[in-house]
Amino acid sequence: MWILTQTWQDVLFLHWPIAPEILAEHIPQELKLDIYKDNAWLSAVLFKVKGQRLRFLPPFPGISSYLQLNVRTYVEYNGRKGIYFFHLDITQQLLAKLATVGSLPYRYTEIFLQPGLYTSHYREFDERLRATYKPVDNTNLEIDQWLVERYHSWAKWGNALFRIDIHHAPWQLQQVQTTIQSNTLAPFIKNTFQHTQPIAHYAKQQVAKVFLPVIEHT
């Protein structure tokens, strides 16, 4: 049963290939990296959350809309392919504090959205991202679907591995002309991707439902 719904707007996907041996040491040992063409992948996903609400309840005033940046990689567990989040940065301070009670890696971060420009700054570790983007043609390549059509994610809470499922319609993607002007994300990954341009996609809107967590391993 789904417990939460959100609308995601102005979604910008940025994807960098990373050598598997670099990322493998940064994910829970129960998970296996999902590899495409001999590479693991690091993604940054920026978007606006609108109309967040719990099932059967209206949106909570003041905390139903905010900006978010997810830094993640692709993993699999028992035949399911999905996402492991290194952190989820949001501009809603109260929600960030509430989410960390369950050991989810949420952080309060300054994020700004202007037409064609995303800027984020996590002050504690001076992690920054500044990206300009311009959506162009629609796209439906094999790698596009591999990178974005992910309906499971995993989190480690204490010694327990949990799976969180989501549901939404298939992504309607556009190619993006993008320039990364500043990037100090994921500082635990040294001198590999911060100065390179990513594969980029854009989607105007997506409505998602989030389901109750499931214990996978203890």
N, C-alpha and C. Protein backbone atom coordinates (compact mmCIF):
# COMPACT_ATOMS: atom_id res chain seq x y z
N MET A 1 0.84 -1.19 0.00
CA MET A 1 0.00 0.00 0.00
C MET A 1 0.88 1.25 0.00
N TRP A 2 0.58 2.17 -0.89
CA TRP A 2 1.36 3.39 -0.90
C TRP A 2 0.95 4.28 0.25
N ILE A 3 1.94 5.05 0.78
CA ILE A 3 1.69 5.88 1.94
C ILE A 3 1.93 7.36 1.68
N LEU A 4 2.59 7.67 0.57
CA LEU A 4 2.97 9.05 0.30
C LEU A 4 2.92 9.29 -1.20
N THR A 5 2.47 10.46 -1.62
CA THR A 5 2.52 10.81 -3.02
C THR A 5 3.16 12.19 -3.19
N GLN A 6 3.86 12.36 -4.30
CA GLN A 6 4.53 13.61 -4.64
C GLN A 6 4.40 13.85 -6.13
N THR A 7 4.42 15.10 -6.53
CA THR A 7 4.60 15.47 -7.93
C THR A 7 5.99 16.07 -8.08
N TRP A 8 6.76 15.54 -9.03
CA TRP A 8 8.11 16.02 -9.30
C TRP A 8 8.07 16.88 -10.56
N GLN A 9 8.64 18.07 -10.49
CA GLN A 9 8.64 19.00 -11.63
C GLN A 9 10.06 19.44 -11.97
N ASP A 10 10.27 19.77 -13.24
CA ASP A 10 11.57 20.25 -13.73
C ASP A 10 12.70 19.32 -13.27
N VAL A 11 12.58 18.06 -13.65
CA VAL A 11 13.51 17.03 -13.20
C VAL A 11 14.73 17.01 -14.11
N LEU A 12 15.90 17.22 -13.55
CA LEU A 12 17.16 17.18 -14.28
C LEU A 12 17.98 16.01 -13.79
N PHE A 13 18.26 15.06 -14.70
CA PHE A 13 19.10 13.89 -14.40
C PHE A 13 20.51 14.13 -14.94
N LEU A 14 21.51 13.91 -14.11
CA LEU A 14 22.91 13.99 -14.52
C LEU A 14 23.58 12.66 -14.16
N HIS A 15 24.26 12.03 -15.13
CA HIS A 15 24.81 10.69 -14.93
C HIS A 15 26.27 10.65 -15.34
N TRP A 16 27.11 10.12 -14.45
CA TRP A 16 28.53 9.98 -14.74
C TRP A 16 28.96 8.51 -14.62
N PRO A 17 29.69 7.96 -15.60
CA PRO A 17 30.25 6.61 -15.44
C PRO A 17 31.41 6.64 -14.46
N ILE A 18 31.46 5.63 -13.59
CA ILE A 18 32.48 5.52 -12.55
C ILE A 18 33.02 4.08 -12.55
N ALA A 19 34.31 3.92 -12.36
CA ALA A 19 34.87 2.58 -12.26
C ALA A 19 34.21 1.83 -11.10
N PRO A 20 33.74 0.60 -11.31
CA PRO A 20 33.02 -0.12 -10.25
C PRO A 20 33.81 -0.24 -8.95
N GLU A 21 35.12 -0.45 -9.05
CA GLU A 21 35.90 -0.64 -7.82
C GLU A 21 35.94 0.62 -6.96
N ILE A 22 35.68 1.78 -7.55
CA ILE A 22 35.66 3.02 -6.77
C ILE A 22 34.38 3.13 -5.95
N LEU A 23 33.24 2.76 -6.56
CA LEU A 23 31.97 2.88 -5.86
C LEU A 23 31.66 1.71 -4.94
N ALA A 24 32.21 0.55 -5.22
CA ALA A 24 31.82 -0.67 -4.49
C ALA A 24 32.04 -0.54 -2.99
N GLU A 25 33.09 0.15 -2.57
CA GLU A 25 33.39 0.25 -1.15
C GLU A 25 32.47 1.22 -0.41
N HIS A 26 31.59 1.92 -1.13
CA HIS A 26 30.74 2.93 -0.51
C HIS A 26 29.27 2.52 -0.45
N ILE A 27 28.96 1.26 -0.75
CA ILE A 27 27.58 0.79 -0.66
C ILE A 27 27.52 -0.35 0.36
N PRO A 28 26.35 -0.63 0.95
CA PRO A 28 26.24 -1.73 1.90
C PRO A 28 26.68 -3.05 1.27
N GLN A 29 27.29 -3.90 2.08
CA GLN A 29 27.86 -5.15 1.55
C GLN A 29 26.79 -6.09 1.01
N GLU A 30 25.53 -5.92 1.44
CA GLU A 30 24.47 -6.79 0.94
C GLU A 30 24.10 -6.48 -0.51
N LEU A 31 24.42 -5.28 -0.96
CA LEU A 31 24.03 -4.85 -2.29
C LEU A 31 25.16 -5.09 -3.29
N LYS A 32 24.78 -5.24 -4.55
CA LYS A 32 25.72 -5.41 -5.65
C LYS A 32 25.53 -4.26 -6.63
N LEU A 33 26.62 -3.67 -7.09
CA LEU A 33 26.50 -2.62 -8.08
C LEU A 33 25.85 -3.13 -9.36
N ASP A 34 24.98 -2.34 -9.94
CA ASP A 34 24.39 -2.65 -11.25
C ASP A 34 25.26 -1.98 -12.31
N ILE A 35 25.75 -2.75 -13.24
CA ILE A 35 26.76 -2.31 -14.20
C ILE A 35 26.15 -2.18 -15.59
N TYR A 36 26.52 -1.11 -16.29
CA TYR A 36 26.11 -0.95 -17.69
C TYR A 36 27.35 -0.63 -18.50
N LYS A 37 27.62 -1.49 -19.49
CA LYS A 37 28.80 -1.33 -20.36
C LYS A 37 30.08 -1.15 -19.54
N ASP A 38 30.25 -2.05 -18.57
CA ASP A 38 31.46 -2.14 -17.73
C ASP A 38 31.62 -1.00 -16.74
N ASN A 39 30.64 -0.12 -16.63
CA ASN A 39 30.74 1.00 -15.69
C ASN A 39 29.66 0.93 -14.63
N ALA A 40 30.03 1.34 -13.41
CA ALA A 40 29.02 1.76 -12.44
C ALA A 40 28.67 3.21 -12.77
N TRP A 41 27.60 3.71 -12.15
CA TRP A 41 27.14 5.06 -12.51
C TRP A 41 26.78 5.83 -11.26
N LEU A 42 27.20 7.09 -11.23
CA LEU A 42 26.79 8.03 -10.19
C LEU A 42 25.82 9.01 -10.82
N SER A 43 24.71 9.27 -10.14
CA SER A 43 23.71 10.20 -10.67
C SER A 43 23.40 11.29 -9.66
N ALA A 44 23.19 12.48 -10.17
CA ALA A 44 22.61 13.58 -9.40
C ALA A 44 21.28 13.92 -10.05
N VAL A 45 20.22 13.97 -9.26
CA VAL A 45 18.88 14.25 -9.79
C VAL A 45 18.32 15.44 -9.01
N LEU A 46 18.01 16.50 -9.73
CA LEU A 46 17.46 17.72 -9.13
C LEU A 46 16.02 17.90 -9.59
N PHE A 47 15.15 18.33 -8.67
CA PHE A 47 13.75 18.50 -9.03
C PHE A 47 13.02 19.30 -7.96
N LYS A 48 11.84 19.75 -8.34
CA LYS A 48 10.94 20.43 -7.42
C LYS A 48 9.86 19.46 -6.98
N VAL A 49 9.66 19.32 -5.67
CA VAL A 49 8.57 18.52 -5.13
C VAL A 49 7.37 19.44 -4.91
N LYS A 50 6.21 19.01 -5.41
CA LYS A 50 4.97 19.77 -5.23
C LYS A 50 3.89 18.83 -4.71
N GLY A 51 3.04 19.35 -3.83
CA GLY A 51 1.86 18.62 -3.40
C GLY A 51 2.14 17.35 -2.62
N GLN A 52 3.23 17.31 -1.89
CA GLN A 52 3.52 16.10 -1.09
C GLN A 52 2.44 15.92 -0.02
N ARG A 53 1.94 14.69 0.08
CA ARG A 53 0.93 14.42 1.11
C ARG A 53 0.92 12.94 1.45
N LEU A 54 0.48 12.64 2.67
CA LEU A 54 0.24 11.28 3.08
C LEU A 54 -1.09 10.79 2.53
N ARG A 55 -1.21 9.48 2.39
CA ARG A 55 -2.46 8.91 1.88
C ARG A 55 -3.62 9.31 2.78
N PHE A 56 -4.74 9.68 2.16
CA PHE A 56 -5.99 10.07 2.82
C PHE A 56 -5.90 11.44 3.50
N LEU A 57 -4.77 12.14 3.37
CA LEU A 57 -4.63 13.45 4.01
C LEU A 57 -4.31 14.50 2.96
N PRO A 58 -4.69 15.75 3.21
CA PRO A 58 -4.31 16.84 2.29
C PRO A 58 -2.84 17.20 2.50
N PRO A 59 -2.25 17.95 1.58
CA PRO A 59 -0.88 18.42 1.79
C PRO A 59 -0.77 19.27 3.05
N PHE A 60 0.36 19.12 3.76
CA PHE A 60 0.60 19.93 4.96
C PHE A 60 1.10 21.31 4.54
N PRO A 61 0.43 22.37 5.00
CA PRO A 61 0.87 23.72 4.62
C PRO A 61 2.32 23.97 5.03
N GLY A 62 3.08 24.54 4.11
CA GLY A 62 4.44 24.94 4.42
C GLY A 62 5.50 23.89 4.20
N ILE A 63 5.11 22.61 4.13
CA ILE A 63 6.12 21.57 3.95
C ILE A 63 5.78 20.62 2.79
N SER A 64 4.85 20.99 1.94
CA SER A 64 4.45 20.11 0.85
C SER A 64 5.21 20.39 -0.44
N SER A 65 5.95 21.51 -0.48
CA SER A 65 6.70 21.87 -1.68
C SER A 65 8.11 22.30 -1.29
N TYR A 66 9.10 21.81 -2.05
CA TYR A 66 10.50 22.15 -1.78
C TYR A 66 11.34 21.66 -2.95
N LEU A 67 12.61 22.02 -2.95
CA LEU A 67 13.55 21.55 -3.96
C LEU A 67 14.37 20.41 -3.38
N GLN A 68 14.81 19.50 -4.26
CA GLN A 68 15.52 18.30 -3.80
C GLN A 68 16.64 17.93 -4.77
N LEU A 69 17.73 17.42 -4.20
CA LEU A 69 18.86 16.89 -4.96
C LEU A 69 19.19 15.51 -4.40
N ASN A 70 19.12 14.48 -5.23
CA ASN A 70 19.49 13.13 -4.84
C ASN A 70 20.83 12.76 -5.48
N VAL A 71 21.75 12.25 -4.68
CA VAL A 71 23.01 11.71 -5.19
C VAL A 71 22.98 10.21 -4.94
N ARG A 72 23.15 9.40 -5.99
CA ARG A 72 22.80 7.99 -5.91
C ARG A 72 23.65 7.16 -6.86
N THR A 73 23.55 5.85 -6.70
CA THR A 73 24.13 4.92 -7.66
C THR A 73 23.13 3.79 -7.90
N TYR A 74 23.47 2.89 -8.82
CA TYR A 74 22.55 1.84 -9.23
C TYR A 74 23.02 0.50 -8.69
N VAL A 75 22.09 -0.23 -8.08
CA VAL A 75 22.43 -1.47 -7.40
C VAL A 75 21.37 -2.52 -7.70
N GLU A 76 21.67 -3.75 -7.26
CA GLU A 76 20.67 -4.81 -7.32
C GLU A 76 20.75 -5.67 -6.08
N TYR A 77 19.62 -6.31 -5.77
CA TYR A 77 19.54 -7.20 -4.60
C TYR A 77 18.49 -8.26 -4.90
N ASN A 78 18.90 -9.52 -4.84
CA ASN A 78 17.98 -10.65 -5.10
C ASN A 78 17.22 -10.49 -6.41
N GLY A 79 17.92 -10.06 -7.46
CA GLY A 79 17.32 -9.96 -8.78
C GLY A 79 16.58 -8.68 -9.05
N ARG A 80 16.37 -7.84 -8.02
CA ARG A 80 15.72 -6.54 -8.24
C ARG A 80 16.79 -5.48 -8.49
N LYS A 81 16.53 -4.63 -9.45
CA LYS A 81 17.44 -3.53 -9.77
C LYS A 81 16.85 -2.23 -9.26
N GLY A 82 17.70 -1.38 -8.69
CA GLY A 82 17.19 -0.13 -8.17
C GLY A 82 18.29 0.84 -7.81
N ILE A 83 18.10 1.56 -6.72
CA ILE A 83 18.92 2.72 -6.37
C ILE A 83 19.41 2.61 -4.94
N TYR A 84 20.66 3.03 -4.74
CA TYR A 84 21.16 3.29 -3.39
C TYR A 84 21.49 4.77 -3.31
N PHE A 85 20.91 5.46 -2.32
CA PHE A 85 21.12 6.89 -2.16
C PHE A 85 22.30 7.16 -1.23
N PHE A 86 23.27 7.92 -1.72
CA PHE A 86 24.32 8.41 -0.83
C PHE A 86 23.77 9.52 0.06
N HIS A 87 22.96 10.40 -0.49
CA HIS A 87 22.24 11.37 0.32
C HIS A 87 21.12 11.98 -0.52
N LEU A 88 20.13 12.52 0.20
CA LEU A 88 18.99 13.20 -0.40
C LEU A 88 18.93 14.58 0.24
N ASP A 89 19.20 15.60 -0.53
CA ASP A 89 19.27 16.97 -0.02
C ASP A 89 17.97 17.70 -0.32
N ILE A 90 17.40 18.37 0.68
CA ILE A 90 16.15 19.09 0.48
C ILE A 90 16.23 20.47 1.13
N THR A 91 15.36 21.37 0.67
CA THR A 91 15.34 22.73 1.18
C THR A 91 14.34 22.91 2.31
N GLN A 92 13.77 21.80 2.80
CA GLN A 92 12.80 21.86 3.90
C GLN A 92 13.49 21.31 5.16
N GLN A 93 13.87 22.21 6.07
CA GLN A 93 14.68 21.82 7.21
C GLN A 93 13.96 20.87 8.15
N LEU A 94 12.68 21.09 8.42
CA LEU A 94 11.93 20.23 9.32
C LEU A 94 11.83 18.82 8.77
N LEU A 95 11.51 18.69 7.49
CA LEU A 95 11.41 17.36 6.89
C LEU A 95 12.75 16.63 6.91
N ALA A 96 13.84 17.36 6.69
CA ALA A 96 15.16 16.73 6.74
C ALA A 96 15.43 16.15 8.12
N LYS A 97 15.06 16.88 9.17
CA LYS A 97 15.27 16.36 10.53
C LYS A 97 14.39 15.16 10.81
N LEU A 98 13.12 15.21 10.39
CA LEU A 98 12.22 14.08 10.62
C LEU A 98 12.68 12.83 9.88
N ALA A 99 13.15 12.99 8.65
CA ALA A 99 13.57 11.84 7.84
C ALA A 99 14.79 11.16 8.42
N THR A 100 15.70 11.92 9.01
CA THR A 100 16.92 11.31 9.54
C THR A 100 16.64 10.49 10.79
N VAL A 101 15.47 10.67 11.42
CA VAL A 101 15.11 9.82 12.57
C VAL A 101 15.08 8.36 12.15
N GLY A 102 14.66 8.08 10.93
CA GLY A 102 14.65 6.72 10.41
C GLY A 102 15.94 6.33 9.71
N SER A 103 16.99 7.11 9.91
CA SER A 103 18.32 6.85 9.35
C SER A 103 18.39 7.01 7.84
N LEU A 104 17.38 7.63 7.23
CA LEU A 104 17.50 7.95 5.82
C LEU A 104 18.48 9.12 5.67
N PRO A 105 19.30 9.10 4.62
CA PRO A 105 20.37 10.11 4.51
C PRO A 105 19.90 11.45 3.94
N TYR A 106 18.88 12.05 4.58
CA TYR A 106 18.41 13.37 4.18
C TYR A 106 19.28 14.45 4.81
N ARG A 107 19.45 15.57 4.08
CA ARG A 107 20.21 16.70 4.59
C ARG A 107 19.52 18.00 4.17
N TYR A 108 19.56 18.97 5.05
CA TYR A 108 19.06 20.29 4.69
C TYR A 108 20.12 21.01 3.87
N THR A 109 19.75 21.49 2.70
CA THR A 109 20.70 22.07 1.75
C THR A 109 20.06 23.27 1.07
N GLU A 110 20.85 24.26 0.73
CA GLU A 110 20.38 25.38 -0.07
C GLU A 110 20.36 24.97 -1.54
N ILE A 111 19.21 25.05 -2.16
CA ILE A 111 19.06 24.74 -3.58
C ILE A 111 18.23 25.85 -4.21
N PHE A 112 18.65 26.29 -5.40
CA PHE A 112 17.95 27.36 -6.10
C PHE A 112 17.65 26.89 -7.52
N LEU A 113 16.45 27.23 -7.98
CA LEU A 113 16.03 26.91 -9.34
C LEU A 113 15.62 28.19 -10.04
N GLN A 114 16.30 28.47 -11.15
CA GLN A 114 15.92 29.53 -12.06
C GLN A 114 15.70 28.89 -13.43
N PRO A 115 15.05 29.56 -14.36
CA PRO A 115 14.86 28.95 -15.69
C PRO A 115 16.19 28.51 -16.29
N GLY A 116 16.34 27.19 -16.47
CA GLY A 116 17.54 26.66 -17.09
C GLY A 116 18.76 26.60 -16.19
N LEU A 117 18.58 26.76 -14.87
CA LEU A 117 19.74 26.79 -13.97
C LEU A 117 19.37 26.20 -12.62
N TYR A 118 20.14 25.18 -12.17
CA TYR A 118 20.05 24.64 -10.82
C TYR A 118 21.35 24.95 -10.09
N THR A 119 21.23 25.38 -8.83
CA THR A 119 22.39 25.62 -7.98
C THR A 119 22.12 25.01 -6.62
N SER A 120 23.07 24.25 -6.09
CA SER A 120 22.93 23.69 -4.74
C SER A 120 24.21 23.93 -3.96
N HIS A 121 24.06 24.03 -2.63
CA HIS A 121 25.22 24.23 -1.75
C HIS A 121 24.91 23.61 -0.39
N TYR A 122 25.63 22.54 -0.07
CA TYR A 122 25.56 21.94 1.26
C TYR A 122 26.73 22.49 2.06
N ARG A 123 26.43 23.40 3.01
CA ARG A 123 27.47 24.19 3.65
C ARG A 123 28.41 23.37 4.53
N GLU A 124 27.90 22.34 5.20
CA GLU A 124 28.74 21.63 6.18
C GLU A 124 30.02 21.09 5.56
N PHE A 125 29.93 20.57 4.35
CA PHE A 125 31.11 20.04 3.67
C PHE A 125 31.43 20.79 2.38
N ASP A 126 30.82 21.96 2.22
CA ASP A 126 31.05 22.81 1.05
C ASP A 126 30.89 22.02 -0.26
N GLU A 127 29.81 21.24 -0.33
CA GLU A 127 29.49 20.50 -1.55
C GLU A 127 28.59 21.38 -2.42
N ARG A 128 29.01 21.58 -3.66
CA ARG A 128 28.30 22.48 -4.55
C ARG A 128 28.02 21.81 -5.90
N LEU A 129 26.93 22.25 -6.50
CA LEU A 129 26.65 21.91 -7.89
C LEU A 129 25.96 23.09 -8.54
N ARG A 130 26.45 23.48 -9.70
CA ARG A 130 25.81 24.55 -10.48
C ARG A 130 25.76 24.08 -11.92
N ALA A 131 24.53 23.91 -12.42
CA ALA A 131 24.35 23.33 -13.75
C ALA A 131 23.33 24.15 -14.54
N THR A 132 23.71 24.56 -15.75
CA THR A 132 22.76 25.15 -16.68
C THR A 132 22.26 24.04 -17.61
N TYR A 133 21.02 24.17 -18.06
CA TYR A 133 20.46 23.13 -18.91
C TYR A 133 19.42 23.72 -19.86
N LYS A 134 19.31 23.06 -21.02
CA LYS A 134 18.32 23.45 -22.02
C LYS A 134 17.76 22.18 -22.65
N PRO A 135 16.51 21.82 -22.35
CA PRO A 135 15.91 20.63 -22.97
C PRO A 135 15.80 20.81 -24.48
N VAL A 136 16.08 19.73 -25.21
CA VAL A 136 15.98 19.78 -26.67
C VAL A 136 15.08 18.65 -27.15
N ASP A 137 15.62 17.66 -27.86
CA ASP A 137 14.78 16.62 -28.47
C ASP A 137 14.35 15.56 -27.47
N ASN A 138 13.23 14.92 -27.76
CA ASN A 138 12.82 13.74 -26.99
C ASN A 138 13.81 12.61 -27.24
N THR A 139 13.90 11.70 -26.27
CA THR A 139 14.88 10.62 -26.37
C THR A 139 14.31 9.34 -25.80
N ASN A 140 14.69 8.21 -26.37
CA ASN A 140 14.22 6.91 -25.89
C ASN A 140 15.25 5.84 -26.25
N LEU A 141 16.49 6.05 -25.84
CA LEU A 141 17.55 5.09 -26.08
C LEU A 141 17.60 4.05 -24.97
N GLU A 142 18.27 2.95 -25.24
CA GLU A 142 18.38 1.88 -24.24
C GLU A 142 18.98 2.40 -22.94
N ILE A 143 20.05 3.18 -23.03
CA ILE A 143 20.70 3.66 -21.80
C ILE A 143 19.81 4.64 -21.05
N ASP A 144 18.97 5.39 -21.77
CA ASP A 144 18.06 6.31 -21.09
C ASP A 144 17.16 5.55 -20.13
N GLN A 145 16.53 4.51 -20.63
CA GLN A 145 15.61 3.74 -19.79
C GLN A 145 16.35 3.03 -18.67
N TRP A 146 17.55 2.53 -18.95
CA TRP A 146 18.33 1.84 -17.92
C TRP A 146 18.64 2.79 -16.77
N LEU A 147 18.94 4.04 -17.08
CA LEU A 147 19.34 5.00 -16.05
C LEU A 147 18.18 5.52 -15.22
N VAL A 148 17.00 5.64 -15.79
CA VAL A 148 15.93 6.35 -15.07
C VAL A 148 14.77 5.48 -14.62
N GLU A 149 14.53 4.35 -15.28
CA GLU A 149 13.36 3.54 -14.91
C GLU A 149 13.73 2.63 -13.73
N ARG A 150 13.70 3.20 -12.54
CA ARG A 150 14.09 2.49 -11.31
C ARG A 150 12.96 2.64 -10.30
N TYR A 151 12.47 1.49 -9.79
CA TYR A 151 11.28 1.50 -8.94
C TYR A 151 11.52 0.92 -7.55
N HIS A 152 12.79 0.68 -7.21
CA HIS A 152 13.15 0.19 -5.89
C HIS A 152 14.36 0.98 -5.40
N SER A 153 14.43 1.20 -4.09
CA SER A 153 15.64 1.75 -3.49
C SER A 153 15.87 1.03 -2.16
N TRP A 154 17.13 1.07 -1.72
CA TRP A 154 17.48 0.39 -0.47
C TRP A 154 18.14 1.37 0.48
N ALA A 155 17.93 1.14 1.79
CA ALA A 155 18.55 1.94 2.84
C ALA A 155 18.96 1.02 3.97
N LYS A 156 20.03 1.38 4.64
CA LYS A 156 20.51 0.61 5.79
C LYS A 156 20.13 1.36 7.06
N TRP A 157 19.29 0.76 7.89
CA TRP A 157 18.89 1.32 9.17
C TRP A 157 19.43 0.42 10.26
N GLY A 158 20.51 0.85 10.93
CA GLY A 158 21.18 -0.05 11.88
C GLY A 158 21.76 -1.22 11.13
N ASN A 159 21.41 -2.45 11.55
CA ASN A 159 21.88 -3.65 10.87
C ASN A 159 20.89 -4.17 9.84
N ALA A 160 19.78 -3.49 9.67
CA ALA A 160 18.72 -3.97 8.78
C ALA A 160 18.78 -3.26 7.43
N LEU A 161 18.58 -4.05 6.37
CA LEU A 161 18.48 -3.51 5.02
C LEU A 161 17.01 -3.43 4.64
N PHE A 162 16.55 -2.24 4.27
CA PHE A 162 15.16 -2.02 3.90
C PHE A 162 15.06 -1.69 2.42
N ARG A 163 13.94 -2.11 1.83
CA ARG A 163 13.63 -1.74 0.45
C ARG A 163 12.41 -0.83 0.46
N ILE A 164 12.48 0.24 -0.32
CA ILE A 164 11.36 1.16 -0.48
C ILE A 164 10.99 1.18 -1.96
N ASP A 165 9.75 0.87 -2.28
CA ASP A 165 9.27 0.82 -3.65
C ASP A 165 8.51 2.10 -4.00
N ILE A 166 8.58 2.48 -5.27
CA ILE A 166 7.77 3.59 -5.77
C ILE A 166 7.05 3.14 -7.03
N HIS A 167 6.04 3.90 -7.40
CA HIS A 167 5.31 3.62 -8.65
C HIS A 167 5.05 4.95 -9.36
N HIS A 168 5.30 4.95 -10.66
CA HIS A 168 4.93 6.09 -11.49
C HIS A 168 4.88 5.64 -12.94
N ALA A 169 4.34 6.48 -13.80
CA ALA A 169 4.31 6.18 -15.23
C ALA A 169 5.73 6.21 -15.80
N PRO A 170 5.96 5.56 -16.95
CA PRO A 170 7.29 5.65 -17.57
C PRO A 170 7.69 7.10 -17.81
N TRP A 171 8.98 7.37 -17.67
CA TRP A 171 9.48 8.72 -17.87
C TRP A 171 9.36 9.16 -19.33
N GLN A 172 8.95 10.39 -19.53
CA GLN A 172 8.97 11.03 -20.84
C GLN A 172 10.16 11.98 -20.85
N LEU A 173 11.25 11.55 -21.47
CA LEU A 173 12.53 12.24 -21.34
C LEU A 173 12.84 13.11 -22.55
N GLN A 174 13.59 14.16 -22.29
CA GLN A 174 14.19 14.96 -23.34
C GLN A 174 15.71 14.97 -23.16
N GLN A 175 16.43 15.00 -24.27
CA GLN A 175 17.86 15.25 -24.19
C GLN A 175 18.07 16.68 -23.69
N VAL A 176 19.26 16.90 -23.13
CA VAL A 176 19.55 18.19 -22.53
C VAL A 176 20.92 18.67 -22.98
N GLN A 177 20.98 19.94 -23.37
CA GLN A 177 22.27 20.61 -23.51
C GLN A 177 22.61 21.19 -22.14
N THR A 178 23.68 20.70 -21.53
CA THR A 178 23.99 21.11 -20.17
C THR A 178 25.46 21.48 -20.03
N THR A 179 25.72 22.40 -19.12
CA THR A 179 27.08 22.76 -18.74
C THR A 179 27.18 22.74 -17.23
N ILE A 180 28.13 21.96 -16.72
CA ILE A 180 28.37 21.92 -15.28
C ILE A 180 29.42 22.99 -14.97
N GLN A 181 28.99 24.03 -14.32
CA GLN A 181 29.88 25.15 -14.03
C GLN A 181 30.68 24.95 -12.75
N SER A 182 30.11 24.18 -11.81
CA SER A 182 30.79 23.89 -10.55
C SER A 182 30.27 22.56 -10.03
N ASN A 183 31.18 21.71 -9.53
CA ASN A 183 30.77 20.40 -9.04
C ASN A 183 31.77 19.89 -8.01
N THR A 184 31.35 19.88 -6.76
CA THR A 184 32.14 19.24 -5.70
C THR A 184 31.30 18.20 -4.96
N LEU A 185 30.32 17.61 -5.67
CA LEU A 185 29.49 16.57 -5.07
C LEU A 185 30.31 15.32 -4.79
N ALA A 186 29.80 14.50 -3.87
CA ALA A 186 30.40 13.19 -3.56
C ALA A 186 31.91 13.29 -3.38
N PRO A 187 32.38 14.06 -2.39
CA PRO A 187 33.82 14.23 -2.22
C PRO A 187 34.56 12.96 -1.86
N PHE A 188 33.83 11.91 -1.47
CA PHE A 188 34.49 10.62 -1.19
C PHE A 188 34.97 9.96 -2.48
N ILE A 189 34.51 10.45 -3.63
CA ILE A 189 35.00 9.95 -4.92
C ILE A 189 35.98 10.98 -5.46
N LYS A 190 37.25 10.66 -5.44
CA LYS A 190 38.29 11.64 -5.71
C LYS A 190 38.69 11.66 -7.19
N ASN A 191 38.70 12.86 -7.77
CA ASN A 191 39.34 13.11 -9.07
C ASN A 191 38.87 12.17 -10.18
N THR A 192 37.56 11.91 -10.21
CA THR A 192 37.07 11.00 -11.24
C THR A 192 36.02 11.62 -12.13
N PHE A 193 35.06 12.35 -11.57
CA PHE A 193 33.94 12.81 -12.38
C PHE A 193 33.66 14.30 -12.23
N GLN A 194 34.18 14.93 -11.20
CA GLN A 194 33.76 16.30 -10.88
C GLN A 194 34.06 17.30 -12.00
N HIS A 195 35.03 16.99 -12.85
CA HIS A 195 35.40 17.94 -13.91
C HIS A 195 34.98 17.46 -15.30
N THR A 196 34.07 16.50 -15.35
CA THR A 196 33.61 15.99 -16.65
C THR A 196 32.12 16.29 -16.82
N GLN A 197 31.70 16.37 -18.07
CA GLN A 197 30.29 16.63 -18.38
C GLN A 197 29.52 15.31 -18.35
N PRO A 198 28.32 15.31 -17.82
CA PRO A 198 27.54 14.08 -17.69
C PRO A 198 26.65 13.80 -18.89
N ILE A 199 26.10 12.58 -18.93
CA ILE A 199 24.90 12.32 -19.73
C ILE A 199 23.75 12.98 -18.98
N ALA A 200 22.90 13.72 -19.72
CA ALA A 200 21.85 14.49 -19.04
C ALA A 200 20.49 14.26 -19.70
N HIS A 201 19.46 14.25 -18.86
CA HIS A 201 18.07 14.15 -19.31
C HIS A 201 17.21 15.14 -18.53
N TYR A 202 16.06 15.45 -19.12
CA TYR A 202 15.11 16.35 -18.47
C TYR A 202 13.70 15.78 -18.62
N ALA A 203 12.89 15.94 -17.58
CA ALA A 203 11.47 15.60 -17.65
C ALA A 203 10.67 16.72 -17.00
N LYS A 204 9.58 17.11 -17.60
CA LYS A 204 8.79 18.23 -17.11
C LYS A 204 8.07 17.89 -15.82
N GLN A 205 7.48 16.69 -15.75
CA GLN A 205 6.69 16.37 -14.56
C GLN A 205 6.50 14.87 -14.44
N GLN A 206 6.39 14.40 -13.19
CA GLN A 206 6.11 13.01 -12.89
C GLN A 206 5.36 12.94 -11.57
N VAL A 207 4.33 12.10 -11.49
CA VAL A 207 3.60 11.88 -10.25
C VAL A 207 3.99 10.50 -9.71
N ALA A 208 4.46 10.46 -8.46
CA ALA A 208 4.99 9.23 -7.88
C ALA A 208 4.26 8.89 -6.59
N LYS A 209 4.15 7.60 -6.34
CA LYS A 209 3.62 7.09 -5.08
C LYS A 209 4.70 6.25 -4.40
N VAL A 210 4.85 6.46 -3.10
CA VAL A 210 5.88 5.78 -2.31
C VAL A 210 5.21 4.78 -1.38
N PHE A 211 5.76 3.56 -1.32
CA PHE A 211 5.16 2.49 -0.54
C PHE A 211 5.88 2.31 0.80
N LEU A 212 5.24 1.58 1.71
CA LEU A 212 5.83 1.29 3.01
C LEU A 212 7.14 0.52 2.84
N PRO A 213 8.15 0.79 3.67
CA PRO A 213 9.41 0.04 3.59
C PRO A 213 9.20 -1.44 3.90
N VAL A 214 10.03 -2.27 3.30
CA VAL A 214 10.02 -3.73 3.49
C VAL A 214 11.40 -4.15 3.99
N ILE A 215 11.45 -4.97 5.04
CA ILE A 215 12.73 -5.47 5.53
C ILE A 215 13.24 -6.55 4.59
N GLU A 216 14.45 -6.38 4.07
CA GLU A 216 15.07 -7.35 3.16
C GLU A 216 16.06 -8.26 3.88
N HIS A 217 16.78 -7.70 4.85
CA HIS A 217 17.86 -8.47 5.48
C HIS A 217 18.17 -7.87 6.85
N THR A 218 18.39 -8.75 7.84
CA THR A 218 18.77 -8.28 9.17
C THR A 218 20.02 -9.00 9.65
